[in-house]
């Protein structure tokens, strides 16, 4: 009896865990995808995260997204003023675009978890220190940091990308 009860409980858990997952946007039923192990314990050279390429991408994206802050009035002064709500949306856009471009750079066989953090702050002659802590493998995990400063000194943007290899 105990074996039969355990078997029934096992079947119930199995049926629940393999239940069809409904797509939250379309409501269509999507099958559960299960990947097989590759038994790779380290990335190949082509799959490694390249911080210099990620920094170049992040600098390009920040320069593009922050270009609207460079508008000048008729007297040649910068007309843009810092707005917290506006910069919050811009930081999200920068983070999303950096993520898509770095993922495209790394190819389809992405074996890294990419984490992006973007901070846009008003520059009122204060110091800025951004710290982060991660538990990672020093051989394969890496990070990249890029910064952009307004030529008039009004705003500073810092973008960080953490690439964590998973097996």
N, C-alpha and C. Protein backbone atom coordinates (compact mmCIF):
# COMPACT_ATOMS: atom_id res chain seq x y z
N UNK A 1 0.81 -1.20 0.00
CA UNK A 1 0.00 0.00 0.00
C UNK A 1 0.85 1.26 0.00
N UNK A 2 1.87 1.30 0.81
CA UNK A 2 2.72 2.49 0.88
C UNK A 2 3.40 2.72 -0.46
N UNK A 3 3.82 1.63 -1.11
CA UNK A 3 4.46 1.76 -2.42
C UNK A 3 3.47 2.30 -3.44
N UNK A 4 2.23 1.79 -3.40
CA UNK A 4 1.21 2.24 -4.34
C UNK A 4 0.87 3.72 -4.09
N UNK A 5 0.78 4.12 -2.82
CA UNK A 5 0.49 5.52 -2.50
C UNK A 5 1.64 6.42 -2.96
N UNK A 6 2.86 5.97 -2.76
CA UNK A 6 4.02 6.74 -3.21
C UNK A 6 4.05 6.87 -4.72
N UNK A 7 3.67 5.81 -5.43
CA UNK A 7 3.63 5.82 -6.89
C UNK A 7 2.57 6.79 -7.39
N UNK A 8 1.41 6.78 -6.72
CA UNK A 8 0.36 7.73 -7.10
C UNK A 8 0.82 9.17 -6.87
N UNK A 9 1.48 9.43 -5.75
CA UNK A 9 1.98 10.77 -5.46
C UNK A 9 3.03 11.17 -6.49
N UNK A 10 3.89 10.23 -6.86
CA UNK A 10 4.92 10.51 -7.86
C UNK A 10 4.29 10.87 -9.21
N UNK A 11 3.24 10.12 -9.60
CA UNK A 11 2.56 10.40 -10.86
C UNK A 11 1.89 11.77 -10.81
N UNK A 12 1.30 12.11 -9.68
CA UNK A 12 0.64 13.41 -9.56
C UNK A 12 1.65 14.54 -9.69
N UNK A 13 2.80 14.39 -9.05
CA UNK A 13 3.83 15.42 -9.15
C UNK A 13 4.34 15.50 -10.58
N UNK A 14 4.55 14.35 -11.19
CA UNK A 14 5.05 14.32 -12.58
C UNK A 14 4.04 14.96 -13.52
N UNK A 15 2.76 14.65 -13.34
CA UNK A 15 1.76 15.24 -14.21
C UNK A 15 1.69 16.75 -14.02
N UNK A 16 1.83 17.20 -12.79
CA UNK A 16 1.78 18.63 -12.52
C UNK A 16 3.01 19.33 -13.09
N UNK A 17 4.19 18.73 -12.97
CA UNK A 17 5.41 19.40 -13.41
C UNK A 17 5.56 19.40 -14.91
N UNK A 18 4.89 18.49 -15.62
CA UNK A 18 4.98 18.48 -17.07
C UNK A 18 3.72 19.04 -17.72
N UNK A 19 2.90 19.69 -16.92
CA UNK A 19 1.67 20.27 -17.47
C UNK A 19 2.04 21.31 -18.52
N UNK A 20 1.16 21.44 -19.51
CA UNK A 20 1.41 22.41 -20.57
C UNK A 20 1.42 23.81 -19.99
N UNK A 21 2.37 24.60 -20.44
CA UNK A 21 2.50 25.97 -19.96
C UNK A 21 1.79 26.89 -20.95
N UNK A 22 0.90 27.74 -20.47
CA UNK A 22 0.17 28.65 -21.34
C UNK A 22 1.00 29.93 -21.51
N UNK A 23 1.06 30.41 -22.74
CA UNK A 23 1.76 31.65 -23.04
C UNK A 23 0.93 32.79 -22.46
N UNK A 24 1.57 33.68 -21.68
CA UNK A 24 0.82 34.72 -20.99
C UNK A 24 0.28 35.78 -21.94
N UNK A 25 0.83 35.93 -23.14
CA UNK A 25 0.37 36.95 -24.06
C UNK A 25 -0.73 36.43 -24.99
N UNK A 26 -0.51 35.29 -25.61
CA UNK A 26 -1.47 34.80 -26.59
C UNK A 26 -2.44 33.78 -26.01
N UNK A 27 -2.13 33.18 -24.87
CA UNK A 27 -2.98 32.18 -24.28
C UNK A 27 -2.81 30.81 -24.90
N UNK A 28 -1.91 30.70 -25.89
CA UNK A 28 -1.68 29.41 -26.53
C UNK A 28 -0.87 28.50 -25.63
N UNK A 29 -1.09 27.21 -25.76
CA UNK A 29 -0.37 26.24 -24.96
C UNK A 29 0.99 25.98 -25.60
N UNK A 30 2.06 26.12 -24.81
CA UNK A 30 3.42 25.92 -25.29
C UNK A 30 3.98 24.65 -24.64
N UNK A 31 4.69 23.82 -25.40
CA UNK A 31 5.28 22.63 -24.79
C UNK A 31 6.47 23.01 -23.90
N UNK A 32 6.73 22.19 -22.90
CA UNK A 32 7.86 22.40 -22.01
C UNK A 32 9.11 21.89 -22.73
N UNK A 33 10.13 22.74 -22.82
CA UNK A 33 11.36 22.38 -23.52
C UNK A 33 12.37 21.87 -22.51
N UNK A 34 12.94 20.71 -22.79
CA UNK A 34 13.95 20.12 -21.91
C UNK A 34 15.22 19.98 -22.72
N UNK A 35 16.32 20.54 -22.22
CA UNK A 35 17.60 20.46 -22.89
C UNK A 35 18.43 19.33 -22.30
N UNK A 36 19.20 18.68 -23.14
CA UNK A 36 20.07 17.62 -22.66
C UNK A 36 21.42 18.19 -22.27
N UNK A 37 22.12 17.51 -21.38
CA UNK A 37 23.43 17.96 -20.94
C UNK A 37 24.44 17.88 -22.07
N UNK A 38 25.34 18.86 -22.11
CA UNK A 38 26.41 18.84 -23.10
C UNK A 38 27.71 18.35 -22.47
N UNK A 39 27.75 18.30 -21.16
CA UNK A 39 28.93 17.87 -20.40
C UNK A 39 30.15 18.75 -20.69
N UNK A 40 29.92 20.00 -21.02
CA UNK A 40 30.99 20.97 -21.20
C UNK A 40 31.21 21.66 -19.88
N UNK A 41 32.43 21.70 -19.42
CA UNK A 41 32.73 22.34 -18.15
C UNK A 41 33.38 23.71 -18.33
N UNK A 42 33.73 24.06 -19.57
CA UNK A 42 34.31 25.36 -19.84
C UNK A 42 33.95 25.79 -21.25
N UNK A 43 33.91 27.10 -21.50
CA UNK A 43 33.54 27.56 -22.84
C UNK A 43 34.70 27.40 -23.82
N UNK A 44 34.36 27.24 -25.08
CA UNK A 44 35.41 27.24 -26.10
C UNK A 44 35.91 28.68 -26.27
N UNK A 45 37.00 28.84 -26.99
CA UNK A 45 37.56 30.18 -27.15
C UNK A 45 36.55 31.11 -27.85
N UNK A 46 35.85 30.60 -28.84
CA UNK A 46 34.88 31.41 -29.58
C UNK A 46 33.68 31.79 -28.72
N UNK A 47 33.36 30.99 -27.71
CA UNK A 47 32.21 31.25 -26.86
C UNK A 47 32.53 32.16 -25.67
N UNK A 48 33.77 32.45 -25.43
CA UNK A 48 34.13 33.26 -24.26
C UNK A 48 33.61 34.69 -24.38
N UNK A 49 33.31 35.25 -23.24
CA UNK A 49 32.85 36.64 -23.18
C UNK A 49 34.03 37.56 -23.44
N UNK A 50 33.83 38.53 -24.33
CA UNK A 50 34.89 39.47 -24.69
C UNK A 50 34.54 40.85 -24.14
N UNK A 51 35.17 41.24 -23.01
CA UNK A 51 34.82 42.53 -22.39
C UNK A 51 35.07 43.73 -23.29
N UNK A 52 36.13 43.72 -24.09
CA UNK A 52 36.43 44.88 -24.94
C UNK A 52 35.32 45.11 -25.96
N UNK A 53 34.79 44.06 -26.53
CA UNK A 53 33.68 44.20 -27.49
C UNK A 53 32.41 44.68 -26.79
N UNK A 54 32.17 44.18 -25.59
CA UNK A 54 30.98 44.60 -24.83
C UNK A 54 31.10 46.08 -24.43
N UNK A 55 32.30 46.51 -24.05
CA UNK A 55 32.50 47.93 -23.69
C UNK A 55 32.24 48.82 -24.89
N UNK A 56 32.74 48.43 -26.06
CA UNK A 56 32.51 49.23 -27.27
C UNK A 56 31.02 49.33 -27.59
N UNK A 57 30.30 48.22 -27.45
CA UNK A 57 28.86 48.23 -27.70
C UNK A 57 28.15 49.13 -26.69
N UNK A 58 28.48 49.00 -25.41
CA UNK A 58 27.81 49.80 -24.39
C UNK A 58 28.09 51.29 -24.57
N UNK A 59 29.32 51.66 -24.93
CA UNK A 59 29.64 53.07 -25.16
C UNK A 59 28.85 53.62 -26.35
N UNK A 60 28.76 52.83 -27.41
CA UNK A 60 28.01 53.25 -28.59
C UNK A 60 26.53 53.44 -28.27
N UNK A 61 25.95 52.51 -27.54
CA UNK A 61 24.53 52.60 -27.18
C UNK A 61 24.28 53.80 -26.27
N UNK A 62 25.15 54.00 -25.27
CA UNK A 62 24.96 55.14 -24.37
C UNK A 62 25.10 56.46 -25.12
N UNK A 63 26.07 56.57 -26.02
CA UNK A 63 26.22 57.81 -26.79
C UNK A 63 24.99 58.06 -27.65
N UNK A 64 24.42 57.01 -28.22
CA UNK A 64 23.23 57.14 -29.06
C UNK A 64 22.01 57.54 -28.23
N UNK A 65 21.79 56.86 -27.11
CA UNK A 65 20.59 57.11 -26.29
C UNK A 65 20.68 58.43 -25.50
N UNK A 66 21.89 58.88 -25.20
CA UNK A 66 22.04 60.11 -24.42
C UNK A 66 22.27 61.33 -25.31
N UNK A 67 22.22 61.16 -26.62
CA UNK A 67 22.48 62.27 -27.55
C UNK A 67 21.47 63.40 -27.39
N UNK A 68 20.25 63.08 -26.96
CA UNK A 68 19.23 64.13 -26.81
C UNK A 68 19.60 65.13 -25.72
N UNK A 69 20.51 64.79 -24.83
CA UNK A 69 20.92 65.72 -23.77
C UNK A 69 21.88 66.78 -24.28
N UNK A 70 22.34 66.65 -25.52
CA UNK A 70 23.32 67.58 -26.08
C UNK A 70 22.68 68.76 -26.82
N UNK A 71 21.35 68.85 -26.82
CA UNK A 71 20.67 69.96 -27.49
C UNK A 71 21.04 71.28 -26.83
N UNK A 72 21.21 72.30 -27.68
CA UNK A 72 21.57 73.64 -27.17
C UNK A 72 20.49 74.65 -27.53
N UNK A 73 20.39 75.68 -26.71
CA UNK A 73 19.42 76.74 -27.00
C UNK A 73 20.06 77.76 -27.95
N UNK A 74 19.37 78.89 -28.17
CA UNK A 74 19.85 79.90 -29.12
C UNK A 74 21.14 80.56 -28.68
N UNK A 75 21.41 80.57 -27.39
CA UNK A 75 22.63 81.20 -26.89
C UNK A 75 23.81 80.23 -26.82
N UNK A 76 23.58 78.98 -27.22
CA UNK A 76 24.66 78.00 -27.23
C UNK A 76 24.84 77.25 -25.92
N UNK A 77 23.88 77.40 -24.99
CA UNK A 77 23.95 76.67 -23.73
C UNK A 77 23.15 75.39 -23.84
N UNK A 78 23.56 74.40 -23.06
CA UNK A 78 22.82 73.14 -23.04
C UNK A 78 21.45 73.38 -22.43
N UNK A 79 20.40 72.97 -23.12
CA UNK A 79 19.03 73.25 -22.67
C UNK A 79 18.42 72.11 -21.87
N UNK A 80 19.06 70.97 -21.84
CA UNK A 80 18.50 69.81 -21.16
C UNK A 80 18.67 69.93 -19.64
N UNK A 81 17.63 69.57 -18.91
CA UNK A 81 17.67 69.54 -17.44
C UNK A 81 17.40 68.12 -16.97
N UNK A 82 18.05 67.71 -15.90
CA UNK A 82 17.92 66.36 -15.36
C UNK A 82 16.51 66.12 -14.84
N UNK A 83 15.93 64.98 -15.23
CA UNK A 83 14.62 64.57 -14.73
C UNK A 83 14.71 63.09 -14.38
N UNK A 84 14.44 62.76 -13.13
CA UNK A 84 14.60 61.38 -12.65
C UNK A 84 13.72 60.39 -13.42
N UNK A 85 12.47 60.74 -13.65
CA UNK A 85 11.55 59.82 -14.34
C UNK A 85 12.01 59.56 -15.78
N UNK A 86 12.49 60.60 -16.43
CA UNK A 86 12.95 60.46 -17.81
C UNK A 86 14.21 59.59 -17.88
N UNK A 87 15.14 59.81 -16.99
CA UNK A 87 16.39 59.03 -17.02
C UNK A 87 16.17 57.58 -16.62
N UNK A 88 15.15 57.31 -15.82
CA UNK A 88 14.82 55.93 -15.47
C UNK A 88 14.43 55.15 -16.72
N UNK A 89 13.59 55.76 -17.56
CA UNK A 89 13.18 55.11 -18.81
C UNK A 89 14.36 54.95 -19.76
N UNK A 90 15.22 55.95 -19.83
CA UNK A 90 16.38 55.88 -20.71
C UNK A 90 17.34 54.78 -20.23
N UNK A 91 17.51 54.63 -18.92
CA UNK A 91 18.38 53.57 -18.38
C UNK A 91 17.85 52.19 -18.76
N UNK A 92 16.53 52.01 -18.71
CA UNK A 92 15.94 50.73 -19.12
C UNK A 92 16.17 50.47 -20.59
N UNK A 93 16.02 51.50 -21.41
CA UNK A 93 16.25 51.35 -22.85
C UNK A 93 17.71 50.99 -23.14
N UNK A 94 18.63 51.66 -22.47
CA UNK A 94 20.06 51.37 -22.65
C UNK A 94 20.36 49.94 -22.25
N UNK A 95 19.85 49.52 -21.12
CA UNK A 95 20.09 48.17 -20.64
C UNK A 95 19.56 47.13 -21.62
N UNK A 96 18.35 47.32 -22.11
CA UNK A 96 17.74 46.36 -23.03
C UNK A 96 18.50 46.30 -24.35
N UNK A 97 18.85 47.47 -24.90
CA UNK A 97 19.56 47.49 -26.18
C UNK A 97 20.96 46.90 -26.05
N UNK A 98 21.64 47.20 -24.95
CA UNK A 98 22.97 46.61 -24.73
C UNK A 98 22.86 45.09 -24.64
N UNK A 99 21.86 44.60 -23.94
CA UNK A 99 21.70 43.16 -23.80
C UNK A 99 21.47 42.49 -25.15
N UNK A 100 20.60 43.05 -25.98
CA UNK A 100 20.33 42.43 -27.27
C UNK A 100 21.56 42.46 -28.17
N UNK A 101 22.30 43.57 -28.16
CA UNK A 101 23.48 43.66 -29.02
C UNK A 101 24.61 42.75 -28.55
N UNK A 102 24.82 42.64 -27.25
CA UNK A 102 25.86 41.74 -26.75
C UNK A 102 25.48 40.29 -26.99
N UNK A 103 24.20 39.94 -26.83
CA UNK A 103 23.75 38.58 -27.13
C UNK A 103 23.95 38.26 -28.61
N UNK A 104 23.65 39.22 -29.49
CA UNK A 104 23.87 39.00 -30.92
C UNK A 104 25.35 38.81 -31.22
N UNK A 105 26.20 39.54 -30.53
CA UNK A 105 27.64 39.41 -30.72
C UNK A 105 28.14 38.03 -30.32
N UNK A 106 27.58 37.48 -29.25
CA UNK A 106 28.06 36.21 -28.71
C UNK A 106 27.54 35.00 -29.49
N UNK A 107 26.55 35.17 -30.32
CA UNK A 107 26.06 34.08 -31.15
C UNK A 107 24.91 33.32 -30.52
N UNK A 108 24.49 32.26 -31.22
CA UNK A 108 23.32 31.49 -30.79
C UNK A 108 23.60 30.60 -29.60
N UNK A 109 24.77 30.02 -29.52
CA UNK A 109 25.10 29.09 -28.44
C UNK A 109 25.55 29.87 -27.21
N UNK A 110 24.67 30.69 -26.68
CA UNK A 110 25.00 31.54 -25.54
C UNK A 110 25.08 30.69 -24.28
N UNK A 111 26.27 30.58 -23.70
CA UNK A 111 26.47 29.79 -22.50
C UNK A 111 26.73 30.69 -21.30
N UNK A 112 26.42 31.96 -21.44
CA UNK A 112 26.61 32.93 -20.37
C UNK A 112 25.28 33.52 -19.96
N UNK A 113 25.15 33.78 -18.67
CA UNK A 113 24.02 34.56 -18.17
C UNK A 113 24.51 35.99 -18.13
N UNK A 114 23.85 36.87 -18.85
CA UNK A 114 24.25 38.27 -18.91
C UNK A 114 23.37 39.10 -18.00
N UNK A 115 23.99 39.90 -17.16
CA UNK A 115 23.28 40.76 -16.23
C UNK A 115 23.75 42.19 -16.50
N UNK A 116 22.82 43.09 -16.78
CA UNK A 116 23.17 44.48 -17.07
C UNK A 116 22.64 45.39 -15.98
N UNK A 117 23.44 46.39 -15.66
CA UNK A 117 23.05 47.40 -14.67
C UNK A 117 23.45 48.75 -15.24
N UNK A 118 22.50 49.68 -15.33
CA UNK A 118 22.76 51.01 -15.86
C UNK A 118 22.34 52.03 -14.82
N UNK A 119 23.22 52.99 -14.56
CA UNK A 119 22.93 54.08 -13.62
C UNK A 119 23.16 55.40 -14.34
N UNK A 120 22.15 56.27 -14.30
CA UNK A 120 22.27 57.61 -14.87
C UNK A 120 22.05 58.59 -13.73
N UNK A 121 23.03 59.44 -13.48
CA UNK A 121 22.95 60.35 -12.34
C UNK A 121 23.22 61.78 -12.77
N UNK A 122 22.62 62.70 -12.05
CA UNK A 122 22.90 64.10 -12.26
C UNK A 122 24.27 64.41 -11.69
N UNK A 123 25.05 65.15 -12.42
CA UNK A 123 26.38 65.50 -11.96
C UNK A 123 26.34 66.87 -11.30
N UNK A 124 26.32 66.88 -9.98
CA UNK A 124 26.33 68.14 -9.23
C UNK A 124 27.58 68.19 -8.36
N UNK A 125 28.70 67.84 -8.99
CA UNK A 125 30.04 67.86 -8.39
C UNK A 125 30.15 66.96 -7.16
N UNK A 126 29.52 65.80 -7.23
CA UNK A 126 29.63 64.83 -6.16
C UNK A 126 30.44 63.65 -6.67
N UNK A 127 30.94 62.88 -5.76
CA UNK A 127 31.64 61.66 -6.18
C UNK A 127 30.60 60.55 -6.35
N UNK A 128 30.96 59.57 -7.14
CA UNK A 128 30.06 58.47 -7.42
C UNK A 128 30.81 57.17 -7.26
N UNK A 129 30.27 56.28 -6.47
CA UNK A 129 30.88 54.97 -6.30
C UNK A 129 29.78 53.92 -6.45
N UNK A 130 29.99 53.01 -7.38
CA UNK A 130 29.05 51.93 -7.60
C UNK A 130 29.77 50.63 -7.28
N UNK A 131 29.21 49.85 -6.40
CA UNK A 131 29.84 48.59 -6.00
C UNK A 131 28.89 47.44 -6.28
N UNK A 132 29.47 46.29 -6.55
CA UNK A 132 28.67 45.09 -6.76
C UNK A 132 29.44 43.90 -6.23
N UNK A 133 28.70 42.87 -5.87
CA UNK A 133 29.32 41.65 -5.36
C UNK A 133 28.68 40.46 -6.05
N UNK A 134 29.54 39.53 -6.45
CA UNK A 134 29.05 38.31 -7.09
C UNK A 134 29.93 37.15 -6.64
N UNK A 135 29.35 36.00 -6.66
CA UNK A 135 30.12 34.78 -6.45
C UNK A 135 30.30 34.17 -7.83
N UNK A 136 31.58 34.09 -8.28
CA UNK A 136 31.79 33.60 -9.62
C UNK A 136 33.09 32.86 -9.77
N UNK A 137 33.23 32.23 -10.93
CA UNK A 137 34.43 31.50 -11.28
C UNK A 137 35.38 32.48 -11.95
N UNK A 138 36.54 32.70 -11.36
CA UNK A 138 37.44 33.73 -11.88
C UNK A 138 38.05 33.38 -13.23
N UNK A 139 37.98 32.12 -13.65
CA UNK A 139 38.54 31.73 -14.95
C UNK A 139 37.60 32.07 -16.11
N UNK A 140 36.29 31.92 -15.92
CA UNK A 140 35.37 32.04 -17.04
C UNK A 140 34.39 33.20 -16.91
N UNK A 141 34.09 33.64 -15.72
CA UNK A 141 33.16 34.75 -15.54
C UNK A 141 33.93 36.07 -15.67
N UNK A 142 33.22 37.10 -16.13
CA UNK A 142 33.88 38.37 -16.37
C UNK A 142 32.88 39.50 -16.29
N UNK A 143 33.38 40.73 -16.35
CA UNK A 143 32.50 41.88 -16.35
C UNK A 143 33.09 42.96 -17.24
N UNK A 144 32.24 43.88 -17.67
CA UNK A 144 32.65 45.01 -18.49
C UNK A 144 31.92 46.24 -17.99
N UNK A 145 32.63 47.36 -17.94
CA UNK A 145 32.04 48.62 -17.47
C UNK A 145 32.35 49.72 -18.48
N UNK A 146 31.34 50.49 -18.82
CA UNK A 146 31.51 51.62 -19.72
C UNK A 146 30.84 52.83 -19.10
N UNK A 147 31.40 54.00 -19.36
CA UNK A 147 30.80 55.22 -18.82
C UNK A 147 30.70 56.29 -19.90
N UNK A 148 29.74 57.16 -19.71
CA UNK A 148 29.52 58.27 -20.62
C UNK A 148 29.28 59.50 -19.77
N UNK A 149 29.93 60.60 -20.14
CA UNK A 149 29.75 61.86 -19.41
C UNK A 149 29.29 62.94 -20.37
N UNK A 150 28.40 63.75 -19.90
CA UNK A 150 27.90 64.89 -20.67
C UNK A 150 29.03 65.91 -20.80
N UNK A 151 29.26 66.45 -22.01
CA UNK A 151 30.35 67.41 -22.16
C UNK A 151 30.18 68.67 -21.31
N UNK A 152 28.93 69.03 -21.01
CA UNK A 152 28.67 70.18 -20.17
C UNK A 152 28.70 69.83 -18.69
N UNK A 153 28.91 68.57 -18.37
CA UNK A 153 28.99 68.13 -16.99
C UNK A 153 27.67 67.99 -16.29
N UNK A 154 26.57 67.88 -17.03
CA UNK A 154 25.26 67.80 -16.38
C UNK A 154 24.87 66.40 -15.91
N UNK A 155 25.30 65.36 -16.62
CA UNK A 155 24.86 64.02 -16.32
C UNK A 155 25.98 63.02 -16.61
N UNK A 156 25.95 61.92 -15.88
CA UNK A 156 26.90 60.83 -16.08
C UNK A 156 26.11 59.53 -16.15
N UNK A 157 26.52 58.65 -17.07
CA UNK A 157 25.88 57.34 -17.20
C UNK A 157 26.95 56.26 -17.09
N UNK A 158 26.63 55.22 -16.35
CA UNK A 158 27.54 54.08 -16.18
C UNK A 158 26.75 52.82 -16.49
N UNK A 159 27.32 51.98 -17.36
CA UNK A 159 26.69 50.70 -17.71
C UNK A 159 27.65 49.58 -17.36
N UNK A 160 27.12 48.54 -16.72
CA UNK A 160 27.93 47.39 -16.34
C UNK A 160 27.28 46.13 -16.88
N UNK A 161 28.12 45.21 -17.35
CA UNK A 161 27.65 43.93 -17.85
C UNK A 161 28.42 42.84 -17.11
N UNK A 162 27.70 41.94 -16.48
CA UNK A 162 28.29 40.80 -15.81
C UNK A 162 27.97 39.56 -16.63
N UNK A 163 28.98 38.80 -17.01
CA UNK A 163 28.79 37.59 -17.80
C UNK A 163 29.20 36.41 -16.95
N UNK A 164 28.22 35.58 -16.59
CA UNK A 164 28.45 34.42 -15.73
C UNK A 164 28.25 33.16 -16.55
N UNK A 165 29.30 32.34 -16.66
CA UNK A 165 29.25 31.13 -17.45
C UNK A 165 28.49 30.07 -16.68
N UNK A 166 27.57 29.38 -17.37
CA UNK A 166 26.90 28.26 -16.73
C UNK A 166 27.05 27.03 -17.60
N UNK A 167 27.19 25.90 -16.93
CA UNK A 167 27.52 24.64 -17.62
C UNK A 167 26.29 23.98 -18.15
